Amino acid sequence: MTRNEKKILKTAINTVTHHNKNIWWELKREIFDHGFQPHYYWQSEFENIAHRVINKLSDADKQLLFAEWKNAKPPRTVKSDEEILNAYTQLIIEEVVSRASVAANRTENW
């Protein structure tokens, strides 16, 4: 995710990350206990909220994201607007997992 994409999606990422404290703790614990995994069980709990948050973005933000996607270097596969939004949903999930990983390593009292 580029710096501009993160800037556009900052509020969306924060909303997804903090929508449920219990699920957040479960994801952190899973990462702490099992280390790197290609997919964590608890990350799927964030997918519905990420999809809803992406779809609720303003039209202006969506247009900015479409432009970022289409102008990315190296070029990304050209997709329909709906496919681009779905791709951004997955990028939000990746960012949530990344943040949870950092938080898991900082957590002292489980």
N, C-alpha and C. Protein backbone atom coordinates (compact mmCIF):
# COMPACT_ATOMS: atom_id res chain seq x y z
N MET A 1 0.86 -1.17 0.00
CA MET A 1 0.00 0.00 0.00
C MET A 1 0.90 1.23 0.00
N THR A 2 0.59 2.16 -0.87
CA THR A 2 1.40 3.38 -0.97
C THR A 2 1.06 4.35 0.16
N ARG A 3 1.90 5.35 0.31
CA ARG A 3 1.67 6.37 1.33
C ARG A 3 0.34 7.09 1.08
N ASN A 4 0.04 7.42 -0.18
CA ASN A 4 -1.23 8.09 -0.49
C ASN A 4 -2.43 7.20 -0.19
N GLU A 5 -2.33 5.92 -0.49
CA GLU A 5 -3.43 5.00 -0.19
C GLU A 5 -3.66 4.92 1.32
N LYS A 6 -2.56 4.84 2.08
CA LYS A 6 -2.70 4.80 3.54
C LYS A 6 -3.34 6.07 4.07
N LYS A 7 -2.98 7.20 3.46
CA LYS A 7 -3.57 8.48 3.88
C LYS A 7 -5.07 8.49 3.61
N ILE A 8 -5.47 8.03 2.44
CA ILE A 8 -6.89 8.00 2.07
C ILE A 8 -7.65 7.03 2.97
N LEU A 9 -7.02 5.90 3.30
CA LEU A 9 -7.68 4.83 4.05
C LEU A 9 -7.43 4.89 5.56
N LYS A 10 -6.76 5.92 6.04
CA LYS A 10 -6.40 5.99 7.45
C LYS A 10 -7.59 5.78 8.38
N THR A 11 -8.64 6.52 8.17
CA THR A 11 -9.83 6.40 9.02
C THR A 11 -10.46 5.02 8.89
N ALA A 12 -10.51 4.51 7.67
CA ALA A 12 -11.09 3.18 7.44
C ALA A 12 -10.28 2.11 8.17
N ILE A 13 -8.97 2.18 8.09
CA ILE A 13 -8.11 1.20 8.76
C ILE A 13 -8.31 1.27 10.27
N ASN A 14 -8.35 2.48 10.81
CA ASN A 14 -8.56 2.63 12.25
C ASN A 14 -9.92 2.09 12.68
N THR A 15 -10.94 2.35 11.88
CA THR A 15 -12.28 1.85 12.19
C THR A 15 -12.30 0.33 12.23
N VAL A 16 -11.68 -0.29 11.25
CA VAL A 16 -11.65 -1.76 11.20
C VAL A 16 -10.84 -2.31 12.36
N THR A 17 -9.70 -1.71 12.62
CA THR A 17 -8.82 -2.19 13.68
C THR A 17 -9.50 -2.15 15.05
N HIS A 18 -10.25 -1.10 15.32
CA HIS A 18 -10.80 -0.89 16.66
C HIS A 18 -12.28 -1.20 16.78
N HIS A 19 -12.87 -1.87 15.82
CA HIS A 19 -14.31 -2.09 15.87
C HIS A 19 -14.71 -3.09 16.96
N ASN A 20 -13.82 -4.00 17.34
CA ASN A 20 -14.15 -4.98 18.38
C ASN A 20 -12.88 -5.32 19.15
N LYS A 21 -12.79 -4.85 20.38
CA LYS A 21 -11.60 -5.03 21.20
C LYS A 21 -11.30 -6.51 21.46
N ASN A 22 -12.32 -7.32 21.66
CA ASN A 22 -12.10 -8.73 21.95
C ASN A 22 -11.50 -9.48 20.76
N ILE A 23 -11.99 -9.20 19.58
CA ILE A 23 -11.44 -9.85 18.38
C ILE A 23 -10.01 -9.38 18.15
N TRP A 24 -9.75 -8.10 18.40
CA TRP A 24 -8.40 -7.56 18.27
C TRP A 24 -7.44 -8.33 19.18
N TRP A 25 -7.84 -8.55 20.44
CA TRP A 25 -6.99 -9.28 21.38
C TRP A 25 -6.80 -10.73 20.94
N GLU A 26 -7.84 -11.33 20.41
CA GLU A 26 -7.72 -12.72 19.94
C GLU A 26 -6.75 -12.82 18.77
N LEU A 27 -6.80 -11.86 17.85
CA LEU A 27 -5.87 -11.85 16.73
C LEU A 27 -4.44 -11.66 17.22
N LYS A 28 -4.24 -10.72 18.14
CA LYS A 28 -2.90 -10.50 18.69
C LYS A 28 -2.39 -11.77 19.36
N ARG A 29 -3.25 -12.42 20.12
CA ARG A 29 -2.84 -13.64 20.84
C ARG A 29 -2.49 -14.76 19.86
N GLU A 30 -3.28 -14.89 18.81
CA GLU A 30 -3.01 -15.91 17.80
C GLU A 30 -1.65 -15.66 17.14
N ILE A 31 -1.37 -14.42 16.82
CA ILE A 31 -0.08 -14.07 16.21
C ILE A 31 1.06 -14.35 17.19
N PHE A 32 0.87 -13.98 18.44
CA PHE A 32 1.89 -14.21 19.47
C PHE A 32 2.16 -15.70 19.66
N ASP A 33 1.10 -16.49 19.71
CA ASP A 33 1.23 -17.93 19.97
C ASP A 33 1.79 -18.72 18.78
N HIS A 34 1.41 -18.33 17.57
CA HIS A 34 1.73 -19.15 16.40
C HIS A 34 2.73 -18.53 15.45
N GLY A 35 3.14 -17.29 15.68
CA GLY A 35 4.09 -16.65 14.78
C GLY A 35 3.47 -16.37 13.42
N PHE A 36 4.34 -16.17 12.43
CA PHE A 36 3.85 -15.85 11.10
C PHE A 36 3.05 -17.00 10.52
N GLN A 37 1.90 -16.67 9.97
CA GLN A 37 1.04 -17.61 9.27
C GLN A 37 0.53 -16.92 8.01
N PRO A 38 0.27 -17.66 6.94
CA PRO A 38 -0.29 -17.01 5.74
C PRO A 38 -1.70 -16.47 5.98
N HIS A 39 -2.42 -17.10 6.91
CA HIS A 39 -3.78 -16.65 7.23
C HIS A 39 -4.05 -16.98 8.69
N TYR A 40 -4.62 -16.01 9.39
CA TYR A 40 -4.99 -16.23 10.79
C TYR A 40 -6.50 -16.40 10.87
N TYR A 41 -6.92 -17.29 11.74
CA TYR A 41 -8.35 -17.53 11.92
C TYR A 41 -9.09 -16.23 12.24
N TRP A 42 -8.55 -15.44 13.15
CA TRP A 42 -9.26 -14.24 13.62
C TRP A 42 -9.25 -13.10 12.63
N GLN A 43 -8.37 -13.13 11.64
CA GLN A 43 -8.38 -12.03 10.67
C GLN A 43 -9.65 -12.06 9.84
N SER A 44 -10.25 -13.22 9.66
CA SER A 44 -11.49 -13.29 8.88
C SER A 44 -12.64 -12.55 9.57
N GLU A 45 -12.52 -12.37 10.88
CA GLU A 45 -13.54 -11.63 11.62
C GLU A 45 -13.53 -10.13 11.26
N PHE A 46 -12.46 -9.67 10.67
CA PHE A 46 -12.35 -8.27 10.28
C PHE A 46 -12.84 -8.02 8.85
N GLU A 47 -13.05 -9.08 8.07
CA GLU A 47 -13.36 -8.91 6.66
C GLU A 47 -14.71 -8.24 6.40
N ASN A 48 -15.74 -8.61 7.14
CA ASN A 48 -17.05 -7.99 6.92
C ASN A 48 -17.03 -6.50 7.23
N ILE A 49 -16.42 -6.13 8.34
CA ILE A 49 -16.37 -4.71 8.68
C ILE A 49 -15.51 -3.95 7.67
N ALA A 50 -14.43 -4.55 7.21
CA ALA A 50 -13.59 -3.88 6.21
C ALA A 50 -14.36 -3.66 4.91
N HIS A 51 -15.14 -4.65 4.52
CA HIS A 51 -15.94 -4.52 3.30
C HIS A 51 -16.98 -3.40 3.45
N ARG A 52 -17.63 -3.34 4.60
CA ARG A 52 -18.63 -2.29 4.85
C ARG A 52 -17.98 -0.91 4.86
N VAL A 53 -16.83 -0.80 5.51
CA VAL A 53 -16.16 0.49 5.61
C VAL A 53 -15.71 0.98 4.24
N ILE A 54 -15.18 0.09 3.42
CA ILE A 54 -14.76 0.46 2.06
C ILE A 54 -15.95 0.95 1.25
N ASN A 55 -17.06 0.26 1.35
CA ASN A 55 -18.24 0.65 0.57
C ASN A 55 -18.87 1.95 1.06
N LYS A 56 -18.60 2.33 2.30
CA LYS A 56 -19.14 3.57 2.84
C LYS A 56 -18.23 4.78 2.60
N LEU A 57 -17.09 4.56 1.96
CA LEU A 57 -16.22 5.70 1.65
C LEU A 57 -16.96 6.68 0.74
N SER A 58 -16.58 7.92 0.84
CA SER A 58 -17.19 8.93 -0.03
C SER A 58 -16.80 8.66 -1.48
N ASP A 59 -17.61 9.15 -2.39
CA ASP A 59 -17.30 8.97 -3.81
C ASP A 59 -15.96 9.61 -4.16
N ALA A 60 -15.64 10.73 -3.53
CA ALA A 60 -14.37 11.40 -3.79
C ALA A 60 -13.19 10.51 -3.37
N ASP A 61 -13.31 9.89 -2.19
CA ASP A 61 -12.24 8.99 -1.73
C ASP A 61 -12.12 7.76 -2.64
N LYS A 62 -13.25 7.24 -3.07
CA LYS A 62 -13.21 6.10 -3.98
C LYS A 62 -12.52 6.47 -5.29
N GLN A 63 -12.81 7.65 -5.79
CA GLN A 63 -12.17 8.09 -7.04
C GLN A 63 -10.66 8.25 -6.85
N LEU A 64 -10.26 8.76 -5.69
CA LEU A 64 -8.84 8.87 -5.39
C LEU A 64 -8.17 7.49 -5.35
N LEU A 65 -8.86 6.53 -4.74
CA LEU A 65 -8.32 5.17 -4.68
C LEU A 65 -8.22 4.54 -6.07
N PHE A 66 -9.24 4.75 -6.89
CA PHE A 66 -9.21 4.21 -8.26
C PHE A 66 -8.01 4.80 -9.02
N ALA A 67 -7.79 6.11 -8.85
CA ALA A 67 -6.67 6.76 -9.53
C ALA A 67 -5.34 6.22 -9.02
N GLU A 68 -5.22 6.03 -7.71
CA GLU A 68 -3.99 5.47 -7.14
C GLU A 68 -3.73 4.07 -7.70
N TRP A 69 -4.78 3.28 -7.76
CA TRP A 69 -4.66 1.90 -8.26
C TRP A 69 -4.17 1.90 -9.72
N LYS A 70 -4.80 2.74 -10.51
CA LYS A 70 -4.50 2.73 -11.95
C LYS A 70 -3.16 3.37 -12.28
N ASN A 71 -2.64 4.24 -11.39
CA ASN A 71 -1.38 4.93 -11.64
C ASN A 71 -0.21 4.35 -10.85
N ALA A 72 -0.43 3.21 -10.21
CA ALA A 72 0.61 2.61 -9.37
C ALA A 72 1.82 2.20 -10.20
N LYS A 73 2.98 2.29 -9.58
CA LYS A 73 4.23 1.85 -10.19
C LYS A 73 4.81 0.77 -9.29
N PRO A 74 5.07 -0.41 -9.72
CA PRO A 74 4.79 -0.97 -11.04
C PRO A 74 3.28 -1.10 -11.25
N PRO A 75 2.89 -1.14 -12.51
CA PRO A 75 1.45 -1.18 -12.82
C PRO A 75 0.75 -2.39 -12.19
N ARG A 76 -0.42 -2.14 -11.70
CA ARG A 76 -1.25 -3.22 -11.15
C ARG A 76 -2.19 -3.68 -12.25
N THR A 77 -2.67 -4.88 -12.09
CA THR A 77 -3.61 -5.42 -13.05
C THR A 77 -4.84 -4.53 -13.09
N VAL A 78 -5.24 -4.14 -14.27
CA VAL A 78 -6.43 -3.30 -14.42
C VAL A 78 -7.64 -4.14 -14.05
N LYS A 79 -8.47 -3.58 -13.21
CA LYS A 79 -9.66 -4.27 -12.73
C LYS A 79 -10.84 -3.32 -12.76
N SER A 80 -12.01 -3.91 -12.61
CA SER A 80 -13.21 -3.07 -12.52
C SER A 80 -13.19 -2.34 -11.17
N ASP A 81 -14.04 -1.32 -11.05
CA ASP A 81 -14.10 -0.55 -9.81
C ASP A 81 -14.44 -1.45 -8.61
N GLU A 82 -15.36 -2.38 -8.80
CA GLU A 82 -15.74 -3.29 -7.70
C GLU A 82 -14.57 -4.17 -7.30
N GLU A 83 -13.82 -4.66 -8.27
CA GLU A 83 -12.66 -5.50 -7.96
C GLU A 83 -11.56 -4.70 -7.25
N ILE A 84 -11.43 -3.45 -7.62
CA ILE A 84 -10.44 -2.58 -6.95
C ILE A 84 -10.84 -2.38 -5.49
N LEU A 85 -12.11 -2.12 -5.24
CA LEU A 85 -12.57 -1.95 -3.86
C LEU A 85 -12.37 -3.23 -3.06
N ASN A 86 -12.61 -4.39 -3.66
CA ASN A 86 -12.37 -5.67 -2.99
C ASN A 86 -10.88 -5.85 -2.68
N ALA A 87 -10.03 -5.42 -3.61
CA ALA A 87 -8.59 -5.50 -3.38
C ALA A 87 -8.18 -4.61 -2.21
N TYR A 88 -8.77 -3.42 -2.14
CA TYR A 88 -8.46 -2.53 -1.02
C TYR A 88 -8.98 -3.10 0.30
N THR A 89 -10.07 -3.82 0.26
CA THR A 89 -10.54 -4.50 1.47
C THR A 89 -9.47 -5.45 1.99
N GLN A 90 -8.87 -6.21 1.09
CA GLN A 90 -7.82 -7.14 1.49
C GLN A 90 -6.56 -6.40 1.97
N LEU A 91 -6.26 -5.26 1.36
CA LEU A 91 -5.11 -4.47 1.82
C LEU A 91 -5.35 -3.92 3.22
N ILE A 92 -6.59 -3.56 3.52
CA ILE A 92 -6.91 -3.11 4.88
C ILE A 92 -6.70 -4.25 5.86
N ILE A 93 -7.13 -5.45 5.51
CA ILE A 93 -6.95 -6.61 6.38
C ILE A 93 -5.46 -6.86 6.62
N GLU A 94 -4.65 -6.75 5.57
CA GLU A 94 -3.20 -6.93 5.73
C GLU A 94 -2.62 -5.89 6.69
N GLU A 95 -3.11 -4.67 6.61
CA GLU A 95 -2.63 -3.62 7.51
C GLU A 95 -3.06 -3.90 8.95
N VAL A 96 -4.28 -4.39 9.14
CA VAL A 96 -4.76 -4.75 10.48
C VAL A 96 -3.88 -5.85 11.06
N VAL A 97 -3.58 -6.87 10.28
CA VAL A 97 -2.73 -7.97 10.75
C VAL A 97 -1.33 -7.45 11.07
N SER A 98 -0.82 -6.57 10.25
CA SER A 98 0.49 -5.99 10.50
C SER A 98 0.51 -5.22 11.83
N ARG A 99 -0.52 -4.44 12.06
CA ARG A 99 -0.61 -3.69 13.32
C ARG A 99 -0.77 -4.63 14.50
N ALA A 100 -1.55 -5.69 14.33
CA ALA A 100 -1.74 -6.66 15.41
C ALA A 100 -0.43 -7.37 15.73
N SER A 101 0.36 -7.63 14.72
CA SER A 101 1.65 -8.28 14.92
C SER A 101 2.58 -7.40 15.76
N VAL A 102 2.63 -6.12 15.41
CA VAL A 102 3.44 -5.17 16.18
C VAL A 102 2.92 -5.09 17.61
N ALA A 103 1.61 -5.00 17.76
CA ALA A 103 1.02 -4.88 19.09
C ALA A 103 1.25 -6.15 19.92
N ALA A 104 1.19 -7.31 19.27
CA ALA A 104 1.41 -8.57 19.99
C ALA A 104 2.81 -8.63 20.57
N ASN A 105 3.77 -8.13 19.81
CA ASN A 105 5.15 -8.16 20.28
C ASN A 105 5.41 -7.13 21.37
N ARG A 106 4.54 -6.14 21.49
CA ARG A 106 4.69 -5.12 22.54
C ARG A 106 3.90 -5.46 23.80
N THR A 107 2.96 -6.37 23.70
CA THR A 107 2.09 -6.70 24.83
C THR A 107 2.88 -7.46 25.88
N GLU A 108 2.80 -6.98 27.12
CA GLU A 108 3.52 -7.61 28.22
C GLU A 108 2.61 -8.45 29.10
N ASN A 109 1.40 -7.98 29.32
CA ASN A 109 0.47 -8.68 30.22
C ASN A 109 -0.69 -9.27 29.44
N TRP A 110 -0.65 -10.56 29.26
CA TRP A 110 -1.74 -11.24 28.53
C TRP A 110 -2.79 -11.62 29.53
